[in-house]
Amino acid sequence: MSQQQVEAALGQPSSKNGMAWIYKSQGMFVSFGNNGVMFNIKCVSPFAGVTKEGIGIGSTRAELMAAYGNPDQDQHFEHGDENLWFASLGTSFYVEKDKVTSLIVHF
C-alpha cells in the first residue's frame, strides 16, 4: 500500500517518526520504504486484532506454537524474551514472559 492508501484506510497518524507512521490509539506502527510503499506493520497493545488462527497481543507462547508450529528463527534476549519468525507467514511475534506483546507483518 502507498502512503495515500494507508491514510485513506487508517486516517492521519497520531505522529510520524522518519518513515514510520504511528497510530497510537490503534496500537500500530506502519513503516514505509524510500519509495513510499508500506513494507511492514507492527502491532502492539492496544491492538485488538488477531490472526485467522486467533493469535494476538496477549496470546501465550503455547497458543502461538500450537497455531503455527516451530518458528523458522527463534532469537532469545535477556530475561527470557524472544522474537519468533515464521517465514511462511511473513510474520514475527515478540514474546515477553510467555505472552505475545507485539507482532510484525512483513510485506
N, C-alpha and C. Protein backbone atom coordinates (compact mmCIF):
# COMPACT_ATOMS: atom_id res chain seq x y z
N MET A 1 0.83 -1.18 0.00
CA MET A 1 0.00 0.00 0.00
C MET A 1 0.88 1.25 0.00
N SER A 2 0.41 2.25 -0.67
CA SER A 2 1.11 3.53 -0.67
C SER A 2 0.73 4.32 0.59
N GLN A 3 1.44 5.40 0.84
CA GLN A 3 1.11 6.25 1.98
C GLN A 3 -0.31 6.80 1.85
N GLN A 4 -0.71 7.14 0.62
CA GLN A 4 -2.05 7.66 0.40
C GLN A 4 -3.11 6.59 0.71
N GLN A 5 -2.85 5.35 0.33
CA GLN A 5 -3.80 4.27 0.61
C GLN A 5 -3.90 3.98 2.10
N VAL A 6 -2.76 4.02 2.80
CA VAL A 6 -2.77 3.82 4.25
C VAL A 6 -3.56 4.93 4.92
N GLU A 7 -3.31 6.15 4.50
CA GLU A 7 -4.03 7.28 5.09
C GLU A 7 -5.54 7.18 4.82
N ALA A 8 -5.91 6.72 3.63
CA ALA A 8 -7.33 6.55 3.31
C ALA A 8 -7.96 5.47 4.19
N ALA A 9 -7.20 4.43 4.49
CA ALA A 9 -7.73 3.32 5.29
C ALA A 9 -7.72 3.60 6.79
N LEU A 10 -6.65 4.26 7.27
CA LEU A 10 -6.48 4.43 8.72
C LEU A 10 -6.62 5.88 9.20
N GLY A 11 -6.62 6.81 8.29
CA GLY A 11 -6.66 8.22 8.67
C GLY A 11 -5.27 8.77 8.93
N GLN A 12 -5.23 9.95 9.47
CA GLN A 12 -3.96 10.60 9.80
C GLN A 12 -3.31 9.89 10.98
N PRO A 13 -2.00 9.64 10.92
CA PRO A 13 -1.33 9.05 12.09
C PRO A 13 -1.26 10.05 13.23
N SER A 14 -1.14 9.53 14.45
CA SER A 14 -1.00 10.41 15.60
C SER A 14 0.35 11.10 15.59
N SER A 15 1.36 10.46 14.98
CA SER A 15 2.67 11.08 14.81
C SER A 15 3.44 10.32 13.73
N LYS A 16 4.53 10.94 13.31
CA LYS A 16 5.42 10.33 12.31
C LYS A 16 6.83 10.37 12.87
N ASN A 17 7.58 9.28 12.62
CA ASN A 17 8.97 9.19 13.05
C ASN A 17 9.77 8.70 11.86
N GLY A 18 10.31 9.64 11.08
CA GLY A 18 11.00 9.27 9.86
C GLY A 18 10.01 8.64 8.89
N MET A 19 10.29 7.41 8.49
CA MET A 19 9.43 6.71 7.54
C MET A 19 8.40 5.83 8.23
N ALA A 20 8.22 6.01 9.53
CA ALA A 20 7.22 5.25 10.28
C ALA A 20 6.07 6.16 10.69
N TRP A 21 4.87 5.68 10.47
CA TRP A 21 3.67 6.39 10.91
C TRP A 21 3.15 5.66 12.13
N ILE A 22 2.83 6.42 13.17
CA ILE A 22 2.40 5.84 14.43
C ILE A 22 0.91 6.13 14.64
N TYR A 23 0.16 5.05 14.84
CA TYR A 23 -1.26 5.11 15.15
C TYR A 23 -1.40 4.61 16.59
N LYS A 24 -1.11 5.50 17.53
CA LYS A 24 -1.01 5.13 18.94
C LYS A 24 -2.29 4.52 19.49
N SER A 25 -3.43 5.13 19.23
CA SER A 25 -4.68 4.62 19.80
C SER A 25 -5.08 3.26 19.23
N GLN A 26 -4.59 2.93 18.03
CA GLN A 26 -4.86 1.62 17.45
C GLN A 26 -3.76 0.61 17.74
N GLY A 27 -2.64 1.07 18.29
CA GLY A 27 -1.52 0.18 18.58
C GLY A 27 -0.81 -0.30 17.32
N MET A 28 -0.62 0.61 16.34
CA MET A 28 0.03 0.21 15.08
C MET A 28 1.12 1.19 14.69
N PHE A 29 2.19 0.64 14.14
CA PHE A 29 3.28 1.39 13.55
C PHE A 29 3.40 0.91 12.11
N VAL A 30 3.26 1.81 11.16
CA VAL A 30 3.32 1.45 9.74
C VAL A 30 4.63 2.01 9.19
N SER A 31 5.46 1.14 8.61
CA SER A 31 6.76 1.58 8.08
C SER A 31 6.75 1.56 6.56
N PHE A 32 7.36 2.60 5.99
CA PHE A 32 7.41 2.76 4.54
C PHE A 32 8.87 2.75 4.08
N GLY A 33 9.08 2.26 2.87
CA GLY A 33 10.39 2.34 2.24
C GLY A 33 10.58 3.70 1.59
N ASN A 34 11.74 3.94 1.03
CA ASN A 34 12.03 5.21 0.37
C ASN A 34 11.10 5.47 -0.80
N ASN A 35 10.51 4.40 -1.35
CA ASN A 35 9.58 4.55 -2.46
C ASN A 35 8.17 4.92 -2.01
N GLY A 36 7.95 5.08 -0.70
CA GLY A 36 6.65 5.45 -0.18
C GLY A 36 5.66 4.29 -0.08
N VAL A 37 6.16 3.06 -0.24
CA VAL A 37 5.31 1.88 -0.16
C VAL A 37 5.53 1.20 1.19
N MET A 38 4.43 0.81 1.84
CA MET A 38 4.49 0.14 3.14
C MET A 38 5.25 -1.18 3.01
N PHE A 39 6.14 -1.46 3.99
CA PHE A 39 6.83 -2.74 3.97
C PHE A 39 6.59 -3.56 5.23
N ASN A 40 6.08 -2.94 6.30
CA ASN A 40 5.65 -3.75 7.45
C ASN A 40 4.72 -2.95 8.36
N ILE A 41 4.00 -3.71 9.17
CA ILE A 41 3.13 -3.14 10.19
C ILE A 41 3.46 -3.84 11.50
N LYS A 42 3.76 -3.05 12.52
CA LYS A 42 3.99 -3.59 13.86
C LYS A 42 2.76 -3.29 14.70
N CYS A 43 2.24 -4.32 15.37
CA CYS A 43 1.06 -4.17 16.21
C CYS A 43 1.43 -4.44 17.66
N VAL A 44 1.01 -3.55 18.54
CA VAL A 44 1.26 -3.64 19.98
C VAL A 44 -0.04 -3.31 20.70
N SER A 45 -0.06 -3.46 22.01
CA SER A 45 -1.23 -3.07 22.79
C SER A 45 -1.49 -1.58 22.56
N PRO A 46 -2.69 -1.18 22.29
CA PRO A 46 -3.99 -1.82 22.49
C PRO A 46 -4.56 -2.50 21.25
N PHE A 47 -3.72 -2.85 20.26
CA PHE A 47 -4.22 -3.52 19.05
C PHE A 47 -5.05 -4.73 19.45
N ALA A 48 -6.27 -4.82 18.95
CA ALA A 48 -7.20 -5.88 19.35
C ALA A 48 -7.39 -6.95 18.29
N GLY A 49 -6.76 -6.79 17.13
CA GLY A 49 -6.93 -7.77 16.07
C GLY A 49 -6.20 -9.07 16.38
N VAL A 50 -6.60 -10.11 15.68
CA VAL A 50 -5.96 -11.42 15.81
C VAL A 50 -5.77 -12.02 14.43
N THR A 51 -4.87 -12.98 14.33
CA THR A 51 -4.69 -13.71 13.08
C THR A 51 -5.89 -14.62 12.87
N LYS A 52 -5.99 -15.22 11.70
CA LYS A 52 -7.12 -16.12 11.44
C LYS A 52 -7.11 -17.32 12.38
N GLU A 53 -5.96 -17.61 12.98
CA GLU A 53 -5.86 -18.69 13.97
C GLU A 53 -6.15 -18.20 15.39
N GLY A 54 -6.46 -16.91 15.54
CA GLY A 54 -6.82 -16.37 16.84
C GLY A 54 -5.66 -15.88 17.69
N ILE A 55 -4.48 -15.70 17.08
CA ILE A 55 -3.30 -15.25 17.83
C ILE A 55 -3.21 -13.73 17.77
N GLY A 56 -3.04 -13.11 18.94
CA GLY A 56 -2.92 -11.67 19.02
C GLY A 56 -2.14 -11.26 20.25
N ILE A 57 -2.16 -9.98 20.54
CA ILE A 57 -1.47 -9.46 21.72
C ILE A 57 -2.11 -10.14 22.95
N GLY A 58 -1.28 -10.72 23.80
CA GLY A 58 -1.76 -11.40 24.99
C GLY A 58 -1.87 -12.91 24.84
N SER A 59 -1.80 -13.43 23.60
CA SER A 59 -1.79 -14.88 23.43
C SER A 59 -0.55 -15.45 24.09
N THR A 60 -0.63 -16.68 24.54
CA THR A 60 0.53 -17.30 25.18
C THR A 60 1.47 -17.89 24.13
N ARG A 61 2.69 -18.14 24.56
CA ARG A 61 3.67 -18.78 23.67
C ARG A 61 3.15 -20.16 23.26
N ALA A 62 2.53 -20.88 24.18
CA ALA A 62 1.99 -22.21 23.87
C ALA A 62 0.90 -22.12 22.80
N GLU A 63 0.03 -21.12 22.90
CA GLU A 63 -1.00 -20.93 21.87
C GLU A 63 -0.39 -20.61 20.52
N LEU A 64 0.65 -19.77 20.53
CA LEU A 64 1.36 -19.42 19.30
C LEU A 64 1.96 -20.65 18.65
N MET A 65 2.63 -21.46 19.44
CA MET A 65 3.27 -22.67 18.92
C MET A 65 2.24 -23.69 18.44
N ALA A 66 1.12 -23.81 19.15
CA ALA A 66 0.06 -24.73 18.73
C ALA A 66 -0.54 -24.29 17.39
N ALA A 67 -0.63 -22.99 17.18
CA ALA A 67 -1.22 -22.47 15.94
C ALA A 67 -0.27 -22.60 14.75
N TYR A 68 1.04 -22.40 14.97
CA TYR A 68 1.98 -22.30 13.84
C TYR A 68 3.13 -23.30 13.87
N GLY A 69 3.29 -24.06 14.92
CA GLY A 69 4.41 -24.98 15.00
C GLY A 69 5.70 -24.26 15.35
N ASN A 70 6.80 -24.90 15.05
CA ASN A 70 8.10 -24.32 15.37
C ASN A 70 8.43 -23.17 14.43
N PRO A 71 9.00 -22.08 14.98
CA PRO A 71 9.36 -20.95 14.13
C PRO A 71 10.58 -21.27 13.27
N ASP A 72 10.75 -20.52 12.20
CA ASP A 72 11.93 -20.68 11.35
C ASP A 72 13.16 -20.09 12.02
N GLN A 73 12.93 -19.12 12.88
CA GLN A 73 14.03 -18.49 13.61
C GLN A 73 13.52 -18.09 14.99
N ASP A 74 14.34 -18.34 16.00
CA ASP A 74 13.97 -18.02 17.38
C ASP A 74 15.14 -17.27 18.00
N GLN A 75 14.98 -15.96 18.18
CA GLN A 75 16.03 -15.12 18.74
C GLN A 75 15.72 -14.85 20.20
N HIS A 76 16.65 -15.23 21.08
CA HIS A 76 16.45 -15.05 22.52
C HIS A 76 17.17 -13.79 23.00
N PHE A 77 16.54 -13.14 23.97
CA PHE A 77 17.09 -11.93 24.57
C PHE A 77 17.22 -12.12 26.08
N GLU A 78 17.81 -11.12 26.74
CA GLU A 78 17.91 -11.17 28.20
C GLU A 78 16.53 -11.30 28.82
N HIS A 79 16.47 -11.86 29.99
CA HIS A 79 15.22 -12.01 30.75
C HIS A 79 14.24 -12.99 30.12
N GLY A 80 14.68 -13.77 29.12
CA GLY A 80 13.83 -14.79 28.53
C GLY A 80 12.93 -14.32 27.41
N ASP A 81 12.99 -13.05 27.05
CA ASP A 81 12.18 -12.56 25.93
C ASP A 81 12.70 -13.19 24.64
N GLU A 82 11.82 -13.31 23.65
CA GLU A 82 12.25 -13.87 22.37
C GLU A 82 11.44 -13.32 21.22
N ASN A 83 12.06 -13.38 20.05
CA ASN A 83 11.40 -12.99 18.81
C ASN A 83 11.32 -14.25 17.94
N LEU A 84 10.09 -14.63 17.58
CA LEU A 84 9.85 -15.84 16.81
C LEU A 84 9.44 -15.45 15.40
N TRP A 85 10.21 -15.90 14.40
CA TRP A 85 9.98 -15.56 12.99
C TRP A 85 9.40 -16.77 12.28
N PHE A 86 8.26 -16.55 11.61
CA PHE A 86 7.59 -17.59 10.83
C PHE A 86 7.62 -17.14 9.37
N ALA A 87 8.58 -17.67 8.60
CA ALA A 87 8.80 -17.22 7.22
C ALA A 87 7.57 -17.42 6.35
N SER A 88 6.89 -18.54 6.49
CA SER A 88 5.73 -18.81 5.63
C SER A 88 4.60 -17.81 5.86
N LEU A 89 4.56 -17.20 7.04
CA LEU A 89 3.55 -16.19 7.35
C LEU A 89 4.04 -14.78 7.03
N GLY A 90 5.36 -14.62 6.94
CA GLY A 90 5.92 -13.29 6.81
C GLY A 90 5.69 -12.47 8.07
N THR A 91 5.65 -13.18 9.21
CA THR A 91 5.29 -12.53 10.46
C THR A 91 6.23 -12.95 11.58
N SER A 92 6.57 -11.99 12.43
CA SER A 92 7.34 -12.30 13.63
C SER A 92 6.52 -11.88 14.85
N PHE A 93 6.70 -12.62 15.94
CA PHE A 93 5.99 -12.37 17.19
C PHE A 93 7.02 -12.17 18.28
N TYR A 94 6.88 -11.09 19.05
CA TYR A 94 7.76 -10.85 20.19
C TYR A 94 7.03 -11.37 21.42
N VAL A 95 7.72 -12.21 22.20
CA VAL A 95 7.12 -12.84 23.37
C VAL A 95 7.90 -12.40 24.61
N GLU A 96 7.17 -11.85 25.58
CA GLU A 96 7.74 -11.46 26.86
C GLU A 96 6.96 -12.16 27.96
N LYS A 97 7.67 -12.82 28.86
CA LYS A 97 7.04 -13.51 30.00
C LYS A 97 5.89 -14.40 29.53
N ASP A 98 6.15 -15.16 28.46
CA ASP A 98 5.23 -16.16 27.92
C ASP A 98 4.01 -15.56 27.21
N LYS A 99 3.99 -14.26 26.94
CA LYS A 99 2.86 -13.62 26.27
C LYS A 99 3.33 -12.86 25.04
N VAL A 100 2.55 -12.92 23.97
CA VAL A 100 2.83 -12.15 22.77
C VAL A 100 2.58 -10.67 23.10
N THR A 101 3.62 -9.85 22.89
CA THR A 101 3.49 -8.42 23.16
C THR A 101 3.49 -7.59 21.88
N SER A 102 3.93 -8.17 20.78
CA SER A 102 3.85 -7.48 19.51
C SER A 102 3.94 -8.49 18.37
N LEU A 103 3.44 -8.09 17.24
CA LEU A 103 3.61 -8.89 16.03
C LEU A 103 3.90 -7.94 14.89
N ILE A 104 4.75 -8.39 14.00
CA ILE A 104 5.13 -7.59 12.84
C ILE A 104 4.82 -8.40 11.59
N VAL A 105 4.01 -7.81 10.72
CA VAL A 105 3.71 -8.42 9.43
C VAL A 105 4.60 -7.73 8.40
N HIS A 106 5.39 -8.53 7.69
CA HIS A 106 6.34 -8.02 6.69
C HIS A 106 5.77 -8.25 5.30
N PHE A 107 5.87 -7.24 4.44
CA PHE A 107 5.36 -7.36 3.07
C PHE A 107 6.49 -7.43 2.09
